[in-house]
Amino acid sequence: MVFTLEALQANDGDCLILHYQKSATAKPVRVLIDGGSAGVYSSVLKPRLDALRAGKPLDLRMVMTSHIDADHITGILDLFKALAQRREDGDEEFCRVETLWHNSFEKLHGSQPAAAQSAAVAASLDGVAPPKGLNQVTAAVVASVPQGNQLRKAAVQLGVPINQGAGGDPVAAPAHGKKVVPIADGLTFTILAPNAVQLERLEDAFRAAKAEHGSNDAAVGADYLNNTVPNMSSIVVIAEAAARGKTRRMLLSGDARGDVLIESLELAGLMKEGRCHFDLMKVQHHGSSHSTTQEYFERVTADRYVISGNGKHAIPHEDALGWLSAARRGKPFECYMTNRVGILDNQKVLDRFLASEKKNEKKHAYFFRKEKELSISVPLA
């Protein structure tokens, strides 16, 4: 069996390819998750897809955008635009996409009856005039709303079904228990987030903002969005493959916050004595200290961690790396990163951290993408 997560050099974003093959004679299954920021498609993703297809159209079982922030969705939008252009020119499309999993900003926020009545929220849904006072994370997501709308339009033009197999639109988990989606023979996705309980809280969040700010619609919209976007901005799934009596699990977390992930695991019934372990975890939000804590790393653990980020905004943050190390003190793990050198803002910080790990935590192993290669791969089977 092949069960591998490949992390492409996505600058300050995410671009992952999940590879699965049940047996040597089975057809390879590939899922593309996020496409990185501007320029990643042409310089990294397209060359990698060309290498995989070896001159023939490449079948992608799924393309998934974890959320619409530019450092995740831009490369996917560029891919769909390129496919549409090939069709318009009468050329053979270089890959075929079976379905697109994508939660639009409107599907998450516009479906809330009270919030839909807010002019400020409505403007944000249109990607035209978001209210002032949005924090950095919220502003980045809202600024990508037009890209999300363009992606959906391109998918429709290409005849690519949206959220096929997910059980609804948006892609979401039930309030309690698991939603397990078959992806291929022996491969499933368990949808963790957003969760129905979390989605229901959107309406409560809007009413709370309304109670505080009254008729000031811009203030209501900013308060509501700042409190909900960081929680609701990522599709989170567990990819699970079984062969020869063994099951391997990957937690693919997007940019979800640690508390959201813990709550989602609890509601799915996957936390045992307050903890959950995976064979591989894609560390959320590129190792940002704003999205995780030491407690999170103590409660949600893995044998292998993947961090995508080139050091922009000093991410991965030194605090987050330290929390991971402290949470797993004396216990073995492997950490795979897409960037070791280059435009890293925090090169000295990373050097210092790795030197400390080499001295004090000899069971912690770190691996980096080779500079001339497009990606780093983490095989589980």
Protein backbone atom coordinates (compact mmCIF):
# COMPACT_ATOMS: atom_id res chain seq x y z
CA MET A 1 0.00 0.00 0.00
CA VAL A 2 1.06 3.57 -0.73
CA PHE A 3 -0.16 6.21 1.72
CA THR A 4 1.95 9.35 1.50
CA LEU A 5 1.53 13.05 2.14
CA GLU A 6 3.61 15.23 -0.16
CA ALA A 7 4.15 18.84 0.95
CA LEU A 8 5.05 21.12 -1.95
CA GLN A 9 7.10 24.29 -1.56
CA ALA A 10 4.16 26.68 -1.26
CA ASN A 11 5.94 29.84 -0.05
CA ASP A 12 3.91 31.05 2.95
CA GLY A 13 0.97 28.76 2.16
CA ASP A 14 -0.10 25.14 1.94
CA CYS A 15 -0.04 22.85 -1.09
CA LEU A 16 -0.34 19.15 -0.37
CA ILE A 17 -0.84 16.02 -2.46
CA LEU A 18 -2.19 12.91 -0.79
CA HIS A 19 -1.07 9.75 -2.59
CA TYR A 20 -2.88 6.45 -2.05
CA GLN A 21 -2.60 3.11 -3.80
CA LYS A 22 -4.12 0.03 -2.21
CA SER A 23 -1.88 -2.43 -4.03
CA ALA A 24 0.76 -2.56 -6.75
CA THR A 25 -1.91 -3.37 -9.34
CA ALA A 26 -4.46 -0.78 -8.15
CA LYS A 27 -4.90 2.60 -9.79
CA PRO A 28 -3.15 5.43 -7.91
CA VAL A 29 -5.47 7.85 -6.12
CA ARG A 30 -4.41 11.45 -5.67
CA VAL A 31 -6.02 14.28 -3.74
CA LEU A 32 -4.75 17.85 -4.08
CA ILE A 33 -5.26 19.92 -0.93
CA ASP A 34 -4.72 23.68 -1.31
CA GLY A 35 -2.53 25.33 -3.92
CA GLY A 36 -0.32 27.85 -2.15
CA SER A 37 -0.02 31.58 -2.69
CA ALA A 38 0.64 33.64 -5.84
CA GLY A 39 3.26 32.12 -8.13
CA VAL A 40 3.18 28.64 -6.58
CA TYR A 41 1.03 27.18 -9.35
CA SER A 42 3.35 28.10 -12.21
CA SER A 43 6.66 27.47 -10.44
CA VAL A 44 5.84 24.41 -8.31
CA LEU A 45 2.37 22.87 -8.62
CA LYS A 46 2.10 22.71 -12.42
CA PRO A 47 5.60 21.18 -12.84
CA ARG A 48 4.77 18.60 -10.16
CA LEU A 49 1.46 17.69 -11.80
CA ASP A 50 3.25 17.38 -15.16
CA ALA A 51 5.78 15.01 -13.62
CA LEU A 52 3.01 12.86 -12.14
CA ARG A 53 1.01 12.67 -15.35
CA ALA A 54 3.97 11.63 -17.50
CA GLY A 55 2.46 12.97 -20.71
CA LYS A 56 -1.09 11.71 -20.05
CA PRO A 57 -4.03 13.45 -18.38
CA LEU A 58 -3.76 13.10 -14.61
CA ASP A 59 -6.81 11.98 -12.67
CA LEU A 60 -7.33 13.86 -9.41
CA ARG A 61 -9.86 12.12 -7.19
CA MET A 62 -10.46 15.40 -5.41
CA VAL A 63 -9.24 18.96 -5.16
CA MET A 64 -9.91 20.49 -1.77
CA THR A 65 -9.45 24.06 -0.62
CA SER A 66 -9.28 23.98 3.15
CA HIS A 67 -10.40 27.63 3.15
CA ILE A 68 -10.34 30.73 0.97
CA ASP A 69 -7.32 32.55 2.38
CA ALA A 70 -5.01 33.58 -0.50
CA ASP A 71 -2.10 31.42 0.63
CA HIS A 72 -4.30 28.32 0.20
CA ILE A 73 -6.71 29.09 -2.64
CA THR A 74 -4.65 31.08 -5.18
CA GLY A 75 -2.85 28.09 -6.69
CA ILE A 76 -6.10 26.12 -6.95
CA LEU A 77 -7.80 29.02 -8.75
CA ASP A 78 -4.82 29.27 -11.11
CA LEU A 79 -5.12 25.54 -11.83
CA PHE A 80 -8.82 25.77 -12.68
CA LYS A 81 -8.23 28.84 -14.84
CA ALA A 82 -5.51 26.98 -16.74
CA LEU A 83 -7.81 24.00 -17.31
CA ALA A 84 -10.57 26.31 -18.54
CA GLN A 85 -8.15 28.01 -20.93
CA ARG A 86 -7.01 24.67 -22.33
CA ARG A 87 -10.62 23.71 -23.00
CA GLU A 88 -11.33 27.08 -24.61
CA ASP A 89 -8.29 26.65 -26.87
CA GLY A 90 -9.43 23.16 -27.87
CA ASP A 91 -6.40 21.51 -26.24
CA GLU A 92 -6.46 18.37 -24.14
CA GLU A 93 -6.81 19.11 -20.44
CA PHE A 94 -3.71 17.99 -18.56
CA CYS A 95 -5.71 16.77 -15.57
CA ARG A 96 -9.25 15.73 -14.74
CA VAL A 97 -10.86 16.64 -11.41
CA GLU A 98 -13.57 14.35 -10.06
CA THR A 99 -14.86 16.80 -7.45
CA LEU A 100 -13.98 20.08 -5.75
CA TRP A 101 -14.47 20.34 -2.00
CA HIS A 102 -14.78 24.01 -1.21
CA ASN A 103 -16.75 25.94 1.40
CA SER A 104 -17.51 29.39 0.10
CA PHE A 105 -17.63 32.31 2.51
CA GLU A 106 -21.29 32.80 1.61
CA LYS A 107 -22.23 29.18 2.37
CA LEU A 108 -20.70 29.43 5.85
CA HIS A 109 -21.90 32.89 6.85
CA GLY A 110 -24.67 33.91 4.49
CA SER A 111 -26.89 30.97 5.40
CA GLN A 112 -27.35 32.37 8.92
CA PRO A 113 -30.76 34.15 8.84
CA ALA A 114 -29.88 37.05 11.11
CA ALA A 115 -26.39 37.60 9.73
CA ALA A 116 -27.76 37.66 6.18
CA GLN A 117 -29.75 40.76 7.12
CA SER A 118 -26.58 42.71 7.91
CA ALA A 119 -25.47 45.06 5.15
CA ALA A 120 -21.87 44.88 6.38
CA VAL A 121 -21.83 41.09 6.32
CA ALA A 122 -23.58 41.04 2.95
CA ALA A 123 -20.92 43.35 1.51
CA SER A 124 -18.23 41.02 2.84
CA LEU A 125 -19.97 38.05 1.20
CA ASP A 126 -19.82 39.91 -2.10
CA GLY A 127 -16.14 40.67 -1.56
CA VAL A 128 -16.86 44.32 -2.24
CA ALA A 129 -16.80 46.42 0.92
CA PRO A 130 -15.92 44.58 4.13
CA PRO A 131 -16.39 46.60 7.31
CA LYS A 132 -13.48 48.40 8.92
CA GLY A 133 -12.01 47.00 12.09
CA LEU A 134 -11.32 43.46 10.90
CA ASN A 135 -8.32 41.80 12.48
CA GLN A 136 -5.46 40.53 10.30
CA VAL A 137 -6.67 36.93 10.04
CA THR A 138 -10.26 37.92 9.26
CA ALA A 139 -9.23 40.59 6.77
CA ALA A 140 -7.04 38.11 4.87
CA VAL A 141 -9.88 35.61 4.55
CA VAL A 142 -12.48 38.22 3.59
CA ALA A 143 -10.11 39.67 0.98
CA SER A 144 -10.07 36.24 -0.70
CA VAL A 145 -13.88 36.05 -1.06
CA PRO A 146 -13.72 37.03 -4.78
CA GLN A 147 -11.21 34.21 -5.40
CA GLY A 148 -13.60 31.75 -3.79
CA ASN A 149 -16.45 32.97 -6.00
CA GLN A 150 -14.25 32.74 -9.09
CA LEU A 151 -13.21 29.20 -8.16
CA ARG A 152 -16.80 28.03 -7.87
CA LYS A 153 -17.64 29.63 -11.21
CA ALA A 154 -14.65 27.96 -12.89
CA ALA A 155 -15.63 24.58 -11.42
CA VAL A 156 -19.16 24.94 -12.79
CA GLN A 157 -17.83 25.90 -16.22
CA LEU A 158 -15.58 22.83 -16.23
CA GLY A 159 -18.40 20.58 -15.09
CA VAL A 160 -16.60 19.69 -11.85
CA PRO A 161 -19.14 18.76 -9.12
CA ILE A 162 -18.79 20.82 -5.92
CA ASN A 163 -18.66 18.97 -2.60
CA GLN A 164 -19.69 15.68 -4.18
CA GLY A 165 -19.91 12.93 -1.59
CA ALA A 166 -19.64 15.31 1.36
CA GLY A 167 -23.32 15.01 2.17
CA GLY A 168 -24.17 18.65 1.64
CA ASP A 169 -22.97 22.15 0.90
CA PRO A 170 -21.09 23.35 2.86
CA VAL A 171 -18.83 20.46 3.77
CA ALA A 172 -19.52 20.01 7.48
CA ALA A 173 -19.47 17.46 10.28
CA PRO A 174 -22.56 16.49 12.30
CA ALA A 175 -23.18 17.88 15.77
CA HIS A 176 -22.08 14.59 17.32
CA GLY A 177 -20.48 11.45 15.95
CA LYS A 178 -18.51 10.92 12.79
CA LYS A 179 -19.19 11.65 9.14
CA VAL A 180 -17.04 9.20 7.20
CA VAL A 181 -16.81 9.66 3.42
CA PRO A 182 -15.46 6.85 1.18
CA ILE A 183 -12.81 8.27 -1.15
CA ALA A 184 -11.45 5.07 -2.69
CA ASP A 185 -11.33 1.38 -1.88
CA GLY A 186 -9.65 1.35 1.53
CA LEU A 187 -9.40 5.17 1.85
CA THR A 188 -11.83 7.37 3.79
CA PHE A 189 -12.09 10.98 4.92
CA THR A 190 -13.67 11.73 8.29
CA ILE A 191 -14.94 15.32 8.25
CA LEU A 192 -14.13 17.05 11.54
CA ALA A 193 -14.76 20.73 10.87
CA PRO A 194 -16.62 22.88 10.46
CA ASN A 195 -19.03 21.14 12.81
CA ALA A 196 -22.80 21.63 13.03
CA VAL A 197 -22.44 22.81 16.63
CA GLN A 198 -19.89 25.41 15.55
CA LEU A 199 -22.07 26.51 12.63
CA GLU A 200 -25.04 26.97 14.93
CA ARG A 201 -22.94 29.26 17.09
CA LEU A 202 -22.63 31.67 14.16
CA GLU A 203 -26.18 32.84 14.72
CA ASP A 204 -25.54 33.27 18.44
CA ALA A 205 -22.37 35.23 17.66
CA PHE A 206 -24.31 37.58 15.40
CA ARG A 207 -27.01 38.15 18.01
CA ALA A 208 -24.34 38.89 20.64
CA ALA A 209 -22.67 41.41 18.32
CA LYS A 210 -26.05 42.98 17.60
CA ALA A 211 -26.83 43.29 21.30
CA GLU A 212 -23.52 45.04 21.92
CA HIS A 213 -23.44 47.42 18.95
CA GLY A 214 -27.14 47.96 18.26
CA SER A 215 -27.87 49.81 15.02
CA ASN A 216 -24.20 50.31 14.10
CA ASP A 217 -24.21 47.71 11.35
CA ALA A 218 -20.52 48.12 10.45
CA ALA A 219 -19.48 47.53 14.06
CA VAL A 220 -21.85 44.54 14.28
CA GLY A 221 -20.39 43.07 11.08
CA ALA A 222 -16.79 43.57 12.18
CA ASP A 223 -17.43 42.09 15.64
CA TYR A 224 -19.30 39.10 14.21
CA LEU A 225 -16.73 38.34 11.51
CA ASN A 226 -13.72 38.76 13.82
CA ASN A 227 -15.26 36.24 16.22
CA THR A 228 -16.35 33.67 13.64
CA VAL A 229 -13.88 33.66 10.74
CA PRO A 230 -10.90 32.28 12.70
CA ASN A 231 -13.11 29.43 13.94
CA MET A 232 -14.90 28.58 10.71
CA SER A 233 -12.29 29.12 8.04
CA SER A 234 -11.00 25.58 7.49
CA ILE A 235 -12.27 22.23 6.32
CA VAL A 236 -10.54 19.67 8.54
CA VAL A 237 -10.46 15.97 7.69
CA ILE A 238 -8.84 12.78 8.90
CA ALA A 239 -7.53 10.71 5.99
CA GLU A 240 -7.52 7.04 6.94
CA ALA A 241 -6.17 4.05 5.03
CA ALA A 242 -6.17 0.39 6.00
CA ALA A 243 -4.14 -2.51 4.65
CA ARG A 244 -2.87 -5.82 5.98
CA GLY A 245 -4.66 -5.32 9.27
CA LYS A 246 -3.11 -1.90 9.96
CA THR A 247 -4.78 1.49 9.87
CA ARG A 248 -2.89 4.74 9.24
CA ARG A 249 -4.36 8.17 9.98
CA MET A 250 -3.45 11.69 8.90
CA LEU A 251 -4.93 14.83 10.48
CA LEU A 252 -5.20 17.48 7.77
CA SER A 253 -5.93 20.63 9.73
CA GLY A 254 -5.78 23.60 7.35
CA ASP A 255 -5.57 26.78 9.44
CA ALA A 256 -8.01 25.69 12.15
CA ARG A 257 -7.27 26.79 15.70
CA GLY A 258 -6.19 24.21 18.24
CA ASP A 259 -9.28 24.68 20.41
CA VAL A 260 -11.52 24.15 17.39
CA LEU A 261 -9.66 20.95 16.54
CA ILE A 262 -9.93 19.62 20.08
CA GLU A 263 -13.66 20.40 20.22
CA SER A 264 -14.20 18.76 16.82
CA LEU A 265 -12.36 15.61 17.91
CA GLU A 266 -14.40 15.50 21.11
CA LEU A 267 -17.71 15.90 19.28
CA ALA A 268 -16.69 13.15 16.87
CA GLY A 269 -15.99 10.83 19.81
CA LEU A 270 -12.31 10.47 18.90
CA MET A 271 -10.69 11.76 22.08
CA LYS A 272 -9.76 8.96 24.46
CA GLU A 273 -9.08 10.10 28.03
CA GLY A 274 -8.72 13.61 26.65
CA ARG A 275 -6.17 12.71 23.99
CA CYS A 276 -5.97 11.64 20.36
CA HIS A 277 -2.99 10.27 18.43
CA PHE A 278 -2.26 10.21 14.69
CA ASP A 279 0.40 8.73 12.48
CA LEU A 280 0.78 12.16 10.85
CA MET A 281 -0.43 15.67 11.62
CA LYS A 282 -0.26 18.65 9.29
CA VAL A 283 0.43 21.39 11.83
CA GLN A 284 -2.22 24.07 11.48
CA HIS A 285 -1.54 27.57 10.17
CA HIS A 286 2.11 26.90 9.26
CA GLY A 287 3.19 26.60 12.89
CA SER A 288 1.73 29.93 14.01
CA SER A 289 1.63 30.48 17.77
CA HIS A 290 -1.74 32.21 17.26
CA SER A 291 -3.37 28.91 16.28
CA THR A 292 -1.92 26.46 18.77
CA THR A 293 -0.74 25.98 22.33
CA GLN A 294 1.42 23.55 24.26
CA GLU A 295 -1.77 22.03 25.66
CA TYR A 296 -2.95 21.31 22.12
CA PHE A 297 0.29 19.48 21.29
CA GLU A 298 0.00 17.53 24.54
CA ARG A 299 -3.55 16.42 23.81
CA VAL A 300 -3.32 15.87 20.04
CA THR A 301 -0.12 14.01 19.19
CA ALA A 302 1.50 12.36 16.19
CA ASP A 303 4.49 10.30 15.16
CA ARG A 304 5.16 12.68 12.27
CA TYR A 305 4.46 16.41 11.93
CA VAL A 306 4.39 18.43 8.70
CA ILE A 307 4.91 22.20 8.70
CA SER A 308 4.53 24.22 5.50
CA GLY A 309 5.95 27.74 5.50
CA ASN A 310 8.92 29.75 4.27
CA GLY A 311 9.44 31.97 7.30
CA LYS A 312 7.30 34.88 6.17
CA HIS A 313 5.77 36.59 9.21
CA ALA A 314 8.34 34.59 11.21
CA ILE A 315 6.21 31.46 10.78
CA PRO A 316 6.80 28.80 12.02
CA HIS A 317 6.97 30.73 15.27
CA GLU A 318 9.65 29.88 17.79
CA ASP A 319 7.02 29.59 20.52
CA ALA A 320 5.02 27.02 18.56
CA LEU A 321 8.11 24.93 17.82
CA GLY A 322 9.05 25.10 21.49
CA TRP A 323 5.56 24.04 22.57
CA LEU A 324 5.70 21.02 20.28
CA SER A 325 9.10 20.04 21.63
CA ALA A 326 8.06 20.51 25.26
CA ALA A 327 4.83 18.60 24.78
CA ARG A 328 6.76 15.61 23.41
CA ARG A 329 9.76 15.87 25.74
CA GLY A 330 11.74 12.64 25.71
CA LYS A 331 9.41 11.00 23.19
CA PRO A 332 10.37 10.27 19.58
CA PHE A 333 8.80 12.09 16.65
CA GLU A 334 9.72 13.27 13.17
CA CYS A 335 9.02 16.78 11.86
CA TYR A 336 9.05 17.54 8.13
CA MET A 337 9.32 21.14 6.90
CA THR A 338 9.07 22.60 3.42
CA ASN A 339 11.74 25.28 3.91
CA ARG A 340 15.09 25.36 5.69
CA VAL A 341 16.79 28.30 3.98
CA GLY A 342 15.77 31.02 1.54
CA ILE A 343 13.68 34.02 2.50
CA LEU A 344 13.16 32.88 6.05
CA ASP A 345 12.56 35.88 8.30
CA ASN A 346 13.48 33.83 11.32
CA GLN A 347 16.55 31.95 10.06
CA LYS A 348 18.55 32.59 13.25
CA VAL A 349 15.57 31.54 15.36
CA LEU A 350 15.28 28.26 13.49
CA ASP A 351 19.03 27.66 13.70
CA ARG A 352 18.95 28.25 17.45
CA PHE A 353 15.94 26.00 17.95
CA LEU A 354 17.44 23.13 15.95
CA ALA A 355 20.73 23.41 17.83
CA SER A 356 18.85 23.18 21.13
CA GLU A 357 16.87 20.17 19.93
CA LYS A 358 20.02 18.40 18.79
CA LYS A 359 21.53 18.89 22.23
CA ASN A 360 18.52 18.34 24.48
CA GLU A 361 15.99 16.23 22.56
CA LYS A 362 17.87 13.58 20.63
CA LYS A 363 14.66 11.63 19.92
CA HIS A 364 13.22 14.56 17.94
CA ALA A 365 14.21 14.36 14.26
CA TYR A 366 13.80 17.18 11.73
CA PHE A 367 13.79 16.84 7.94
CA PHE A 368 13.68 19.55 5.27
CA ARG A 369 12.87 19.72 1.60
CA LYS A 370 16.04 19.72 -0.48
CA GLU A 371 16.45 23.12 -2.07
CA LYS A 372 16.38 21.89 -5.68
CA GLU A 373 13.32 19.69 -5.15
CA LEU A 374 9.71 20.78 -5.41
CA SER A 375 8.47 18.98 -2.32
CA ILE A 376 9.13 16.75 0.65
CA SER A 377 7.20 13.49 1.05
CA VAL A 378 6.17 11.68 4.21
CA PRO A 379 5.23 8.02 3.60
CA LEU A 380 3.12 6.14 6.11
CA ALA A 381 2.99 2.89 4.17
